[in-house]
Amino acid sequence: GTPSYMSPEQLAGKRVEGQSDLFSLGVMLFQMVTGQLPFTGDSMATLMYKIANEQHPDPVSLNPDLPRCISVIINRALQKDVEKRYQSGKQMAADIGKCLKIMAAEGKA
C-alpha cells in the first residue's frame, strides 16, 4: 500500500483486482529504467491526483536509450483505464519475453 505504487482504482477505493498489481509493477519498471517514479507530488493529495488524472512521462524522454518495446510495456501497464491495461500477468510476461527477443536481435540485451 505505498501510495506511489497504488493504482488509480485503489486510490479511489474501488474494487482491486490483478490489474492493480500490474499497474504497480509498471511503476516499478518505470522506476528501474528511468531512476525516478512516474508520479510525484509535494503532498499526498497532489500525488494521488496525479496518479488518478495525469499521464506519466514517456519513459524514453527520461532514458533515450530505452528500447521502444520496454516503453510500450510500461505505458500499457500504467494505463488509467483498467480495460486498456494488461488483463493478466501472463499477457505482460509474454510481452516482456517478446521484448527481450527484440532486444537480443538488436544487440541490446
PDB file of N, CA and C in Angstrom:
ATOM      1  N   GLY A   1       0.766  -1.201   0.000  1.00  0.00           N
ATOM      2  CA  GLY A   1       0.000   0.000   0.000  1.00  0.00           C
ATOM      3  C   GLY A   1       0.814   1.276   0.000  1.00  0.00           C
ATOM      4  N   THR A   2       2.040   1.275  -0.529  1.00  0.00           N
ATOM      5  CA  THR A   2       2.791   2.519  -0.640  1.00  0.00           C
ATOM      6  C   THR A   2       2.123   3.392  -1.695  1.00  0.00           C
ATOM      7  N   PRO A   3       1.709   4.607  -1.358  1.00  0.00           N
ATOM      8  CA  PRO A   3       0.918   5.430  -2.280  1.00  0.00           C
ATOM      9  C   PRO A   3       1.528   5.607  -3.667  1.00  0.00           C
ATOM     10  N   SER A   4       2.819   5.762  -3.786  1.00  0.00           N
ATOM     11  CA  SER A   4       3.447   5.985  -5.095  1.00  0.00           C
ATOM     12  C   SER A   4       3.226   4.820  -6.054  1.00  0.00           C
ATOM     13  N   TYR A   5       2.920   3.645  -5.523  1.00  0.00           N
ATOM     14  CA  TYR A   5       2.773   2.444  -6.336  1.00  0.00           C
ATOM     15  C   TYR A   5       1.314   2.015  -6.489  1.00  0.00           C
ATOM     16  N   MET A   6       0.392   2.780  -5.923  1.00  0.00           N
ATOM     17  CA  MET A   6      -1.019   2.411  -5.970  1.00  0.00           C
ATOM     18  C   MET A   6      -1.641   2.755  -7.321  1.00  0.00           C
ATOM     19  N   SER A   7      -2.579   1.924  -7.729  1.00  0.00           N
ATOM     20  CA  SER A   7      -3.303   2.160  -8.980  1.00  0.00           C
ATOM     21  C   SER A   7      -4.388   3.206  -8.753  1.00  0.00           C
ATOM     22  N   PRO A   8      -4.852   3.823  -9.836  1.00  0.00           N
ATOM     23  CA  PRO A   8      -5.926   4.815  -9.700  1.00  0.00           C
ATOM     24  C   PRO A   8      -7.173   4.239  -9.024  1.00  0.00           C
ATOM     25  N   GLU A   9      -7.538   3.008  -9.381  1.00  0.00           N
ATOM     26  CA  GLU A   9      -8.736   2.420  -8.782  1.00  0.00           C
ATOM     27  C   GLU A   9      -8.551   2.121  -7.297  1.00  0.00           C
ATOM     28  N   GLN A  10      -7.344   1.801  -6.906  1.00  0.00           N
ATOM     29  CA  GLN A  10      -7.065   1.552  -5.493  1.00  0.00           C
ATOM     30  C   GLN A  10      -7.179   2.844  -4.695  1.00  0.00           C
ATOM     31  N   LEU A  11      -6.658   3.928  -5.246  1.00  0.00           N
ATOM     32  CA  LEU A  11      -6.759   5.221  -4.576  1.00  0.00           C
ATOM     33  C   LEU A  11      -8.202   5.689  -4.468  1.00  0.00           C
ATOM     34  N   ALA A  12      -9.022   5.307  -5.438  1.00  0.00           N
ATOM     35  CA  ALA A  12     -10.431   5.714  -5.446  1.00  0.00           C
ATOM     36  C   ALA A  12     -11.294   4.827  -4.554  1.00  0.00           C
ATOM     37  N   GLY A  13     -10.692   3.798  -3.956  1.00  0.00           N
ATOM     38  CA  GLY A  13     -11.447   2.910  -3.084  1.00  0.00           C
ATOM     39  C   GLY A  13     -12.310   1.913  -3.833  1.00  0.00           C
ATOM     40  N   LYS A  14     -12.022   1.736  -5.111  1.00  0.00           N
ATOM     41  CA  LYS A  14     -12.780   0.768  -5.912  1.00  0.00           C
ATOM     42  C   LYS A  14     -12.234  -0.640  -5.687  1.00  0.00           C
ATOM     43  N   ARG A  15     -12.937  -1.601  -6.243  1.00  0.00           N
ATOM     44  CA  ARG A  15     -12.512  -2.995  -6.136  1.00  0.00           C
ATOM     45  C   ARG A  15     -11.150  -3.170  -6.814  1.00  0.00           C
ATOM     46  N   VAL A  16     -10.252  -3.816  -6.130  1.00  0.00           N
ATOM     47  CA  VAL A  16      -8.898  -4.009  -6.644  1.00  0.00           C
ATOM     48  C   VAL A  16      -8.740  -5.459  -7.094  1.00  0.00           C
ATOM     49  N   GLU A  17      -8.289  -5.623  -8.329  1.00  0.00           N
ATOM     50  CA  GLU A  17      -8.041  -6.961  -8.867  1.00  0.00           C
ATOM     51  C   GLU A  17      -6.612  -7.024  -9.380  1.00  0.00           C
ATOM     52  N   GLY A  18      -6.300  -8.048 -10.145  1.00  0.00           N
ATOM     53  CA  GLY A  18      -4.938  -8.268 -10.617  1.00  0.00           C
ATOM     54  C   GLY A  18      -4.364  -7.128 -11.429  1.00  0.00           C
ATOM     55  N   GLN A  19      -5.219  -6.408 -12.153  1.00  0.00           N
ATOM     56  CA  GLN A  19      -4.724  -5.299 -12.968  1.00  0.00           C
ATOM     57  C   GLN A  19      -4.112  -4.203 -12.107  1.00  0.00           C
ATOM     58  N   SER A  20      -4.556  -4.098 -10.874  1.00  0.00           N
ATOM     59  CA  SER A  20      -3.976  -3.116  -9.957  1.00  0.00           C
ATOM     60  C   SER A  20      -2.519  -3.478  -9.650  1.00  0.00           C
ATOM     61  N   ASP A  21      -2.264  -4.762  -9.464  1.00  0.00           N
ATOM     62  CA  ASP A  21      -0.890  -5.215  -9.230  1.00  0.00           C
ATOM     63  C   ASP A  21      -0.019  -4.971 -10.463  1.00  0.00           C
ATOM     64  N   LEU A  22      -0.607  -5.118 -11.643  1.00  0.00           N
ATOM     65  CA  LEU A  22       0.158  -4.884 -12.871  1.00  0.00           C
ATOM     66  C   LEU A  22       0.481  -3.405 -13.041  1.00  0.00           C
ATOM     67  N   PHE A  23      -0.413  -2.531 -12.579  1.00  0.00           N
ATOM     68  CA  PHE A  23      -0.114  -1.094 -12.557  1.00  0.00           C
ATOM     69  C   PHE A  23       1.091  -0.852 -11.647  1.00  0.00           C
ATOM     70  N   SER A  24       1.072  -1.448 -10.454  1.00  0.00           N
ATOM     71  CA  SER A  24       2.187  -1.285  -9.509  1.00  0.00           C
ATOM     72  C   SER A  24       3.490  -1.811 -10.095  1.00  0.00           C
ATOM     73  N   LEU A  25       3.411  -2.912 -10.815  1.00  0.00           N
ATOM     74  CA  LEU A  25       4.592  -3.452 -11.486  1.00  0.00           C
ATOM     75  C   LEU A  25       5.085  -2.478 -12.553  1.00  0.00           C
ATOM     76  N   GLY A  26       4.148  -1.845 -13.253  1.00  0.00           N
ATOM     77  CA  GLY A  26       4.521  -0.827 -14.227  1.00  0.00           C
ATOM     78  C   GLY A  26       5.260   0.334 -13.583  1.00  0.00           C
ATOM     79  N   VAL A  27       4.811   0.739 -12.394  1.00  0.00           N
ATOM     80  CA  VAL A  27       5.505   1.800 -11.650  1.00  0.00           C
ATOM     81  C   VAL A  27       6.933   1.355 -11.337  1.00  0.00           C
ATOM     82  N   MET A  28       7.087   0.109 -10.886  1.00  0.00           N
ATOM     83  CA  MET A  28       8.424  -0.398 -10.554  1.00  0.00           C
ATOM     84  C   MET A  28       9.315  -0.461 -11.795  1.00  0.00           C
ATOM     85  N   LEU A  29       8.770  -0.933 -12.913  1.00  0.00           N
ATOM     86  CA  LEU A  29       9.557  -0.982 -14.153  1.00  0.00           C
ATOM     87  C   LEU A  29       9.972   0.415 -14.598  1.00  0.00           C
ATOM     88  N   PHE A  30       9.039   1.357 -14.507  1.00  0.00           N
ATOM     89  CA  PHE A  30       9.336   2.747 -14.860  1.00  0.00           C
ATOM     90  C   PHE A  30      10.509   3.246 -14.008  1.00  0.00           C
ATOM     91  N   GLN A  31      10.424   2.997 -12.713  1.00  0.00           N
ATOM     92  CA  GLN A  31      11.468   3.454 -11.799  1.00  0.00           C
ATOM     93  C   GLN A  31      12.804   2.773 -12.099  1.00  0.00           C
ATOM     94  N   MET A  32      12.768   1.500 -12.438  1.00  0.00           N
ATOM     95  CA  MET A  32      14.004   0.769 -12.739  1.00  0.00           C
ATOM     96  C   MET A  32      14.721   1.319 -13.969  1.00  0.00           C
ATOM     97  N   VAL A  33      13.961   1.692 -14.997  1.00  0.00           N
ATOM     98  CA  VAL A  33      14.603   2.103 -16.250  1.00  0.00           C
ATOM     99  C   VAL A  33      14.846   3.608 -16.362  1.00  0.00           C
ATOM    100  N   THR A  34      14.202   4.395 -15.478  1.00  0.00           N
ATOM    101  CA  THR A  34      14.393   5.849 -15.552  1.00  0.00           C
ATOM    102  C   THR A  34      15.082   6.420 -14.321  1.00  0.00           C
ATOM    103  N   GLY A  35      15.060   5.681 -13.216  1.00  0.00           N
ATOM    104  CA  GLY A  35      15.653   6.185 -11.983  1.00  0.00           C
ATOM    105  C   GLY A  35      14.734   7.096 -11.188  1.00  0.00           C
ATOM    106  N   GLN A  36      13.480   7.207 -11.610  1.00  0.00           N
ATOM    107  CA  GLN A  36      12.531   8.029 -10.859  1.00  0.00           C
ATOM    108  C   GLN A  36      11.132   7.442 -10.959  1.00  0.00           C
ATOM    109  N   LEU A  37      10.273   7.880 -10.063  1.00  0.00           N
ATOM    110  CA  LEU A  37       8.886   7.437 -10.079  1.00  0.00           C
ATOM    111  C   LEU A  37       8.102   8.158 -11.171  1.00  0.00           C
ATOM    112  N   PRO A  38       7.075   7.511 -11.723  1.00  0.00           N
ATOM    113  CA  PRO A  38       6.294   8.170 -12.764  1.00  0.00           C
ATOM    114  C   PRO A  38       5.390   9.284 -12.239  1.00  0.00           C
ATOM    115  N   PHE A  39       5.041   9.215 -10.960  1.00  0.00           N
ATOM    116  CA  PHE A  39       4.174  10.225 -10.355  1.00  0.00           C
ATOM    117  C   PHE A  39       4.793  10.683  -9.041  1.00  0.00           C
ATOM    118  N   THR A  40       4.928  11.996  -8.882  1.00  0.00           N
ATOM    119  CA  THR A  40       5.450  12.557  -7.643  1.00  0.00           C
ATOM    120  C   THR A  40       4.605  13.765  -7.259  1.00  0.00           C
ATOM    121  N   GLY A  41       4.679  14.129  -6.014  1.00  0.00           N
ATOM    122  CA  GLY A  41       3.950  15.301  -5.546  1.00  0.00           C
ATOM    123  C   GLY A  41       4.499  15.751  -4.216  1.00  0.00           C
ATOM    124  N   ASP A  42       4.311  17.028  -3.913  1.00  0.00           N
ATOM    125  CA  ASP A  42       4.824  17.564  -2.651  1.00  0.00           C
ATOM    126  C   ASP A  42       3.865  17.306  -1.492  1.00  0.00           C
ATOM    127  N   SER A  43       2.730  16.682  -1.794  1.00  0.00           N
ATOM    128  CA  SER A  43       1.793  16.287  -0.741  1.00  0.00           C
ATOM    129  C   SER A  43       1.105  15.002  -1.185  1.00  0.00           C
ATOM    130  N   MET A  44       0.487  14.320  -0.244  1.00  0.00           N
ATOM    131  CA  MET A  44      -0.230  13.097  -0.569  1.00  0.00           C
ATOM    132  C   MET A  44      -1.380  13.391  -1.527  1.00  0.00           C
ATOM    133  N   ALA A  45      -2.063  14.503  -1.328  1.00  0.00           N
ATOM    134  CA  ALA A  45      -3.185  14.869  -2.193  1.00  0.00           C
ATOM    135  C   ALA A  45      -2.718  15.101  -3.628  1.00  0.00           C
ATOM    136  N   THR A  46      -1.595  15.777  -3.793  1.00  0.00           N
ATOM    137  CA  THR A  46      -1.054  16.034  -5.130  1.00  0.00           C
ATOM    138  C   THR A  46      -0.646  14.731  -5.798  1.00  0.00           C
ATOM    139  N   LEU A  47       0.031  13.866  -5.061  1.00  0.00           N
ATOM    140  CA  LEU A  47       0.443  12.576  -5.596  1.00  0.00           C
ATOM    141  C   LEU A  47      -0.772  11.769  -6.040  1.00  0.00           C
ATOM    142  N   MET A  48      -1.777  11.686  -5.204  1.00  0.00           N
ATOM    143  CA  MET A  48      -2.981  10.925  -5.525  1.00  0.00           C
ATOM    144  C   MET A  48      -3.688  11.499  -6.755  1.00  0.00           C
ATOM    145  N   TYR A  49      -3.744  12.819  -6.845  1.00  0.00           N
ATOM    146  CA  TYR A  49      -4.370  13.458  -8.006  1.00  0.00           C
ATOM    147  C   TYR A  49      -3.631  13.075  -9.284  1.00  0.00           C
ATOM    148  N   LYS A  50      -2.298  13.135  -9.246  1.00  0.00           N
ATOM    149  CA  LYS A  50      -1.508  12.830 -10.439  1.00  0.00           C
ATOM    150  C   LYS A  50      -1.689  11.379 -10.871  1.00  0.00           C
ATOM    151  N   ILE A  51      -1.679  10.460  -9.915  1.00  0.00           N
ATOM    152  CA  ILE A  51      -1.863   9.054 -10.253  1.00  0.00           C
ATOM    153  C   ILE A  51      -3.226   8.838 -10.914  1.00  0.00           C
ATOM    154  N   ALA A  52      -4.235   9.485 -10.376  1.00  0.00           N
ATOM    155  CA  ALA A  52      -5.600   9.287 -10.872  1.00  0.00           C
ATOM    156  C   ALA A  52      -5.897  10.033 -12.167  1.00  0.00           C
ATOM    157  N   ASN A  53      -5.208  11.148 -12.417  1.00  0.00           N
ATOM    158  CA  ASN A  53      -5.631  12.027 -13.502  1.00  0.00           C
ATOM    159  C   ASN A  53      -4.593  12.406 -14.546  1.00  0.00           C
ATOM    160  N   GLU A  54      -3.333  12.350 -14.219  1.00  0.00           N
ATOM    161  CA  GLU A  54      -2.313  12.837 -15.146  1.00  0.00           C
ATOM    162  C   GLU A  54      -1.565  11.701 -15.825  1.00  0.00           C
ATOM    163  N   GLN A  55      -1.138  11.956 -17.047  1.00  0.00           N
ATOM    164  CA  GLN A  55      -0.349  10.998 -17.797  1.00  0.00           C
ATOM    165  C   GLN A  55       1.077  10.980 -17.234  1.00  0.00           C
ATOM    166  N   HIS A  56       1.639   9.816 -17.111  1.00  0.00           N
ATOM    167  CA  HIS A  56       3.036   9.699 -16.675  1.00  0.00           C
ATOM    168  C   HIS A  56       3.953  10.176 -17.803  1.00  0.00           C
ATOM    169  N   PRO A  57       5.166  10.589 -17.473  1.00  0.00           N
ATOM    170  CA  PRO A  57       6.113  10.973 -18.524  1.00  0.00           C
ATOM    171  C   PRO A  57       6.448   9.766 -19.399  1.00  0.00           C
ATOM    172  N   ASP A  58       6.767  10.014 -20.645  1.00  0.00           N
ATOM    173  CA  ASP A  58       7.207   8.935 -21.525  1.00  0.00           C
ATOM    174  C   ASP A  58       8.567   8.451 -21.012  1.00  0.00           C
ATOM    175  N   PRO A  59       8.700   7.163 -20.715  1.00  0.00           N
ATOM    176  CA  PRO A  59       9.985   6.671 -20.193  1.00  0.00           C
ATOM    177  C   PRO A  59      11.163   7.009 -21.108  1.00  0.00           C
ATOM    178  N   VAL A  60      10.940   7.041 -22.419  1.00  0.00           N
ATOM    179  CA  VAL A  60      12.017   7.342 -23.369  1.00  0.00           C
ATOM    180  C   VAL A  60      12.492   8.787 -23.222  1.00  0.00           C
ATOM    181  N   SER A  61      11.602   9.674 -22.777  1.00  0.00           N
ATOM    182  CA  SER A  61      12.012  11.067 -22.582  1.00  0.00           C
ATOM    183  C   SER A  61      13.007  11.190 -21.423  1.00  0.00           C
ATOM    184  N   LEU A  62      12.985  10.232 -20.515  1.00  0.00           N
ATOM    185  CA  LEU A  62      13.904  10.245 -19.373  1.00  0.00           C
ATOM    186  C   LEU A  62      15.111   9.343 -19.585  1.00  0.00           C
ATOM    187  N   ASN A  63      14.961   8.381 -20.489  1.00  0.00           N
ATOM    188  CA  ASN A  63      16.049   7.465 -20.816  1.00  0.00           C
ATOM    189  C   ASN A  63      16.005   7.216 -22.325  1.00  0.00           C
ATOM    190  N   PRO A  64      16.653   8.088 -23.101  1.00  0.00           N
ATOM    191  CA  PRO A  64      16.592   7.988 -24.564  1.00  0.00           C
ATOM    192  C   PRO A  64      17.131   6.674 -25.129  1.00  0.00           C
ATOM    193  N   ASP A  65      17.938   5.953 -24.374  1.00  0.00           N
ATOM    194  CA  ASP A  65      18.493   4.684 -24.843  1.00  0.00           C
ATOM    195  C   ASP A  65      17.553   3.501 -24.615  1.00  0.00           C
ATOM    196  N   LEU A  66      16.424   3.756 -24.003  1.00  0.00           N
ATOM    197  CA  LEU A  66      15.468   2.702 -23.677  1.00  0.00           C
ATOM    198  C   LEU A  66      14.852   2.120 -24.945  1.00  0.00           C
ATOM    199  N   PRO A  67      14.898   0.806 -25.108  1.00  0.00           N
ATOM    200  CA  PRO A  67      14.249   0.204 -26.273  1.00  0.00           C
ATOM    201  C   PRO A  67      12.749   0.515 -26.283  1.00  0.00           C
ATOM    202  N   ARG A  68      12.213   0.766 -27.465  1.00  0.00           N
ATOM    203  CA  ARG A  68      10.809   1.140 -27.614  1.00  0.00           C
ATOM    204  C   ARG A  68       9.880   0.110 -26.996  1.00  0.00           C
ATOM    205  N   CYS A  69      10.199  -1.181 -27.129  1.00  0.00           N
ATOM    206  CA  CYS A  69       9.297  -2.213 -26.630  1.00  0.00           C
ATOM    207  C   CYS A  69       9.144  -2.146 -25.105  1.00  0.00           C
ATOM    208  N   ILE A  70      10.164  -1.715 -24.395  1.00  0.00           N
ATOM    209  CA  ILE A  70      10.049  -1.572 -22.940  1.00  0.00           C
ATOM    210  C   ILE A  70       9.113  -0.420 -22.620  1.00  0.00           C
ATOM    211  N   SER A  71       9.254   0.658 -23.338  1.00  0.00           N
ATOM    212  CA  SER A  71       8.374   1.811 -23.141  1.00  0.00           C
ATOM    213  C   SER A  71       6.917   1.433 -23.409  1.00  0.00           C
ATOM    214  N   VAL A  72       6.676   0.643 -24.450  1.00  0.00           N
ATOM    215  CA  VAL A  72       5.314   0.208 -24.784  1.00  0.00           C
ATOM    216  C   VAL A  72       4.724  -0.621 -23.639  1.00  0.00           C
ATOM    217  N   ILE A  73       5.506  -1.515 -23.068  1.00  0.00           N
ATOM    218  CA  ILE A  73       5.046  -2.346 -21.947  1.00  0.00           C
ATOM    219  C   ILE A  73       4.706  -1.478 -20.743  1.00  0.00           C
ATOM    220  N   ILE A  74       5.581  -0.571 -20.407  1.00  0.00           N
ATOM    221  CA  ILE A  74       5.344   0.317 -19.266  1.00  0.00           C
ATOM    222  C   ILE A  74       4.104   1.169 -19.505  1.00  0.00           C
ATOM    223  N   ASN A  75       3.988   1.733 -20.694  1.00  0.00           N
ATOM    224  CA  ASN A  75       2.839   2.591 -20.996  1.00  0.00           C
ATOM    225  C   ASN A  75       1.524   1.826 -20.884  1.00  0.00           C
ATOM    226  N   ARG A  76       1.501   0.581 -21.314  1.00  0.00           N
ATOM    227  CA  ARG A  76       0.272  -0.215 -21.186  1.00  0.00           C
ATOM    228  C   ARG A  76      -0.006  -0.547 -19.726  1.00  0.00           C
ATOM    229  N   ALA A  77       1.023  -0.891 -18.976  1.00  0.00           N
ATOM    230  CA  ALA A  77       0.840  -1.227 -17.560  1.00  0.00           C
ATOM    231  C   ALA A  77       0.327  -0.034 -16.758  1.00  0.00           C
ATOM    232  N   LEU A  78       0.686   1.172 -17.182  1.00  0.00           N
ATOM    233  CA  LEU A  78       0.296   2.378 -16.434  1.00  0.00           C
ATOM    234  C   LEU A  78      -0.970   3.049 -16.981  1.00  0.00           C
ATOM    235  N   GLN A  79      -1.724   2.353 -17.780  1.00  0.00           N
ATOM    236  CA  GLN A  79      -2.986   2.905 -18.270  1.00  0.00           C
ATOM    237  C   GLN A  79      -3.930   3.176 -17.093  1.00  0.00           C
ATOM    238  N   LYS A  80      -4.581   4.309 -17.111  1.00  0.00           N
ATOM    239  CA  LYS A  80      -5.561   4.644 -16.059  1.00  0.00           C
ATOM    240  C   LYS A  80      -6.777   3.738 -16.163  1.00  0.00           C
ATOM    241  N   ASP A  81      -7.218   3.471 -17.386  1.00  0.00           N
ATOM    242  CA  ASP A  81      -8.384   2.634 -17.648  1.00  0.00           C
ATOM    243  C   ASP A  81      -7.985   1.163 -17.495  1.00  0.00           C
ATOM    244  N   VAL A  82      -8.594   0.487 -16.543  1.00  0.00           N
ATOM    245  CA  VAL A  82      -8.272  -0.918 -16.263  1.00  0.00           C
ATOM    246  C   VAL A  82      -8.443  -1.786 -17.508  1.00  0.00           C
ATOM    247  N   GLU A  83      -9.419  -1.471 -18.339  1.00  0.00           N
ATOM    248  CA  GLU A  83      -9.675  -2.273 -19.544  1.00  0.00           C
ATOM    249  C   GLU A  83      -8.568  -2.131 -20.583  1.00  0.00           C
ATOM    250  N   LYS A  84      -7.818  -1.041 -20.553  1.00  0.00           N
ATOM    251  CA  LYS A  84      -6.721  -0.826 -21.502  1.00  0.00           C
ATOM    252  C   LYS A  84      -5.393  -1.366 -20.974  1.00  0.00           C
ATOM    253  N   ARG A  85      -5.372  -1.694 -19.707  1.00  0.00           N
ATOM    254  CA  ARG A  85      -4.173  -2.222 -19.063  1.00  0.00           C
ATOM    255  C   ARG A  85      -4.054  -3.718 -19.371  1.00  0.00           C
ATOM    256  N   TYR A  86      -2.911  -4.306 -19.079  1.00  0.00           N
ATOM    257  CA  TYR A  86      -2.786  -5.758 -19.198  1.00  0.00           C
ATOM    258  C   TYR A  86      -3.883  -6.407 -18.363  1.00  0.00           C
ATOM    259  N   GLN A  87      -4.483  -7.463 -18.897  1.00  0.00           N
ATOM    260  CA  GLN A  87      -5.559  -8.147 -18.188  1.00  0.00           C
ATOM    261  C   GLN A  87      -5.047  -9.291 -17.320  1.00  0.00           C
ATOM    262  N   SER A  88      -3.801  -9.690 -17.567  1.00  0.00           N
ATOM    263  CA  SER A  88      -3.208 -10.754 -16.751  1.00  0.00           C
ATOM    264  C   SER A  88      -1.689 -10.611 -16.739  1.00  0.00           C
ATOM    265  N   GLY A  89      -1.106 -11.183 -15.715  1.00  0.00           N
ATOM    266  CA  GLY A  89       0.348 -11.207 -15.640  1.00  0.00           C
ATOM    267  C   GLY A  89       0.942 -12.022 -16.771  1.00  0.00           C
ATOM    268  N   LYS A  90       0.212 -13.027 -17.212  1.00  0.00           N
ATOM    269  CA  LYS A  90       0.674 -13.868 -18.316  1.00  0.00           C
ATOM    270  C   LYS A  90       0.819 -13.046 -19.592  1.00  0.00           C
ATOM    271  N   GLN A  91      -0.139 -12.152 -19.857  1.00  0.00           N
ATOM    272  CA  GLN A  91      -0.056 -11.270 -21.030  1.00  0.00           C
ATOM    273  C   GLN A  91       1.175 -10.382 -20.947  1.00  0.00           C
ATOM    274  N   MET A  92       1.382  -9.802 -19.775  1.00  0.00           N
ATOM    275  CA  MET A  92       2.509  -8.888 -19.591  1.00  0.00           C
ATOM    276  C   MET A  92       3.829  -9.655 -19.728  1.00  0.00           C
ATOM    277  N   ALA A  93       3.898 -10.848 -19.132  1.00  0.00           N
ATOM    278  CA  ALA A  93       5.112 -11.661 -19.224  1.00  0.00           C
ATOM    279  C   ALA A  93       5.410 -12.037 -20.676  1.00  0.00           C
ATOM    280  N   ALA A  94       4.363 -12.329 -21.451  1.00  0.00           N
ATOM    281  CA  ALA A  94       4.561 -12.663 -22.867  1.00  0.00           C
ATOM    282  C   ALA A  94       5.158 -11.476 -23.620  1.00  0.00           C
ATOM    283  N   ASP A  95       4.653 -10.273 -23.337  1.00  0.00           N
ATOM    284  CA  ASP A  95       5.205  -9.081 -23.997  1.00  0.00           C
ATOM    285  C   ASP A  95       6.648  -8.820 -23.567  1.00  0.00           C
ATOM    286  N   ILE A  96       6.946  -9.071 -22.312  1.00  0.00           N
ATOM    287  CA  ILE A  96       8.329  -8.908 -21.840  1.00  0.00           C
ATOM    288  C   ILE A  96       9.240  -9.902 -22.558  1.00  0.00           C
ATOM    289  N   GLY A  97       8.772 -11.139 -22.719  1.00  0.00           N
ATOM    290  CA  GLY A  97       9.549 -12.148 -23.449  1.00  0.00           C
ATOM    291  C   GLY A  97       9.802 -11.734 -24.891  1.00  0.00           C
ATOM    292  N   LYS A  98       8.764 -11.218 -25.557  1.00  0.00           N
ATOM    293  CA  LYS A  98       8.917 -10.738 -26.936  1.00  0.00           C
ATOM    294  C   LYS A  98       9.913  -9.586 -26.996  1.00  0.00           C
ATOM    295  N   CYS A  99       9.824  -8.699 -26.021  1.00  0.00           N
ATOM    296  CA  CYS A  99      10.721  -7.548 -25.974  1.00  0.00           C
ATOM    297  C   CYS A  99      12.170  -7.995 -25.795  1.00  0.00           C
ATOM    298  N   LEU A 100      12.383  -8.972 -24.939  1.00  0.00           N
ATOM    299  CA  LEU A 100      13.739  -9.487 -24.739  1.00  0.00           C
ATOM    300  C   LEU A 100      14.306 -10.071 -26.035  1.00  0.00           C
ATOM    301  N   LYS A 101      13.454 -10.755 -26.807  1.00  0.00           N
ATOM    302  CA  LYS A 101      13.901 -11.308 -28.093  1.00  0.00           C
ATOM    303  C   LYS A 101      14.257 -10.189 -29.073  1.00  0.00           C
ATOM    304  N   ILE A 102      13.445  -9.137 -29.095  1.00  0.00           N
ATOM    305  CA  ILE A 102      13.726  -7.987 -29.959  1.00  0.00           C
ATOM    306  C   ILE A 102      15.044  -7.342 -29.560  1.00  0.00           C
ATOM    307  N   MET A 103      15.232  -7.167 -28.244  1.00  0.00           N
ATOM    308  CA  MET A 103      16.460  -6.538 -27.759  1.00  0.00           C
ATOM    309  C   MET A 103      17.671  -7.406 -28.098  1.00  0.00           C
ATOM    310  N   ALA A 104      17.544  -8.722 -27.967  1.00  0.00           N
ATOM    311  CA  ALA A 104      18.657  -9.623 -28.296  1.00  0.00           C
ATOM    312  C   ALA A 104      18.987  -9.535 -29.779  1.00  0.00           C
ATOM    313  N   ALA A 105      17.960  -9.475 -30.613  1.00  0.00           N
ATOM    314  CA  ALA A 105      18.177  -9.374 -32.054  1.00  0.00           C
ATOM    315  C   ALA A 105      18.856  -8.066 -32.438  1.00  0.00           C
ATOM    316  N   GLU A 106      18.576  -7.019 -31.651  1.00  0.00           N
ATOM    317  CA  GLU A 106      19.177  -5.692 -31.899  1.00  0.00           C
ATOM    318  C   GLU A 106      20.513  -5.524 -31.177  1.00  0.00           C
ATOM    319  N   GLY A 107      20.928  -6.557 -30.434  1.00  0.00           N
ATOM    320  CA  GLY A 107      22.177  -6.486 -29.692  1.00  0.00           C
ATOM    321  C   GLY A 107      22.109  -5.600 -28.470  1.00  0.00           C
ATOM    322  N   LYS A 108      20.911  -5.414 -27.897  1.00  0.00           N
ATOM    323  CA  LYS A 108      20.748  -4.560 -26.737  1.00  0.00           C
ATOM    324  C   LYS A 108      20.482  -5.326 -25.453  1.00  0.00           C
ATOM    325  N   ALA A 109      20.425  -6.645 -25.542  1.00  0.00           N
ATOM    326  CA  ALA A 109      20.129  -7.445 -24.353  1.00  0.00           C
ATOM    327  C   ALA A 109      21.400  -7.953 -23.708  1.00  0.00           C
TER     328      ALA A 109
END
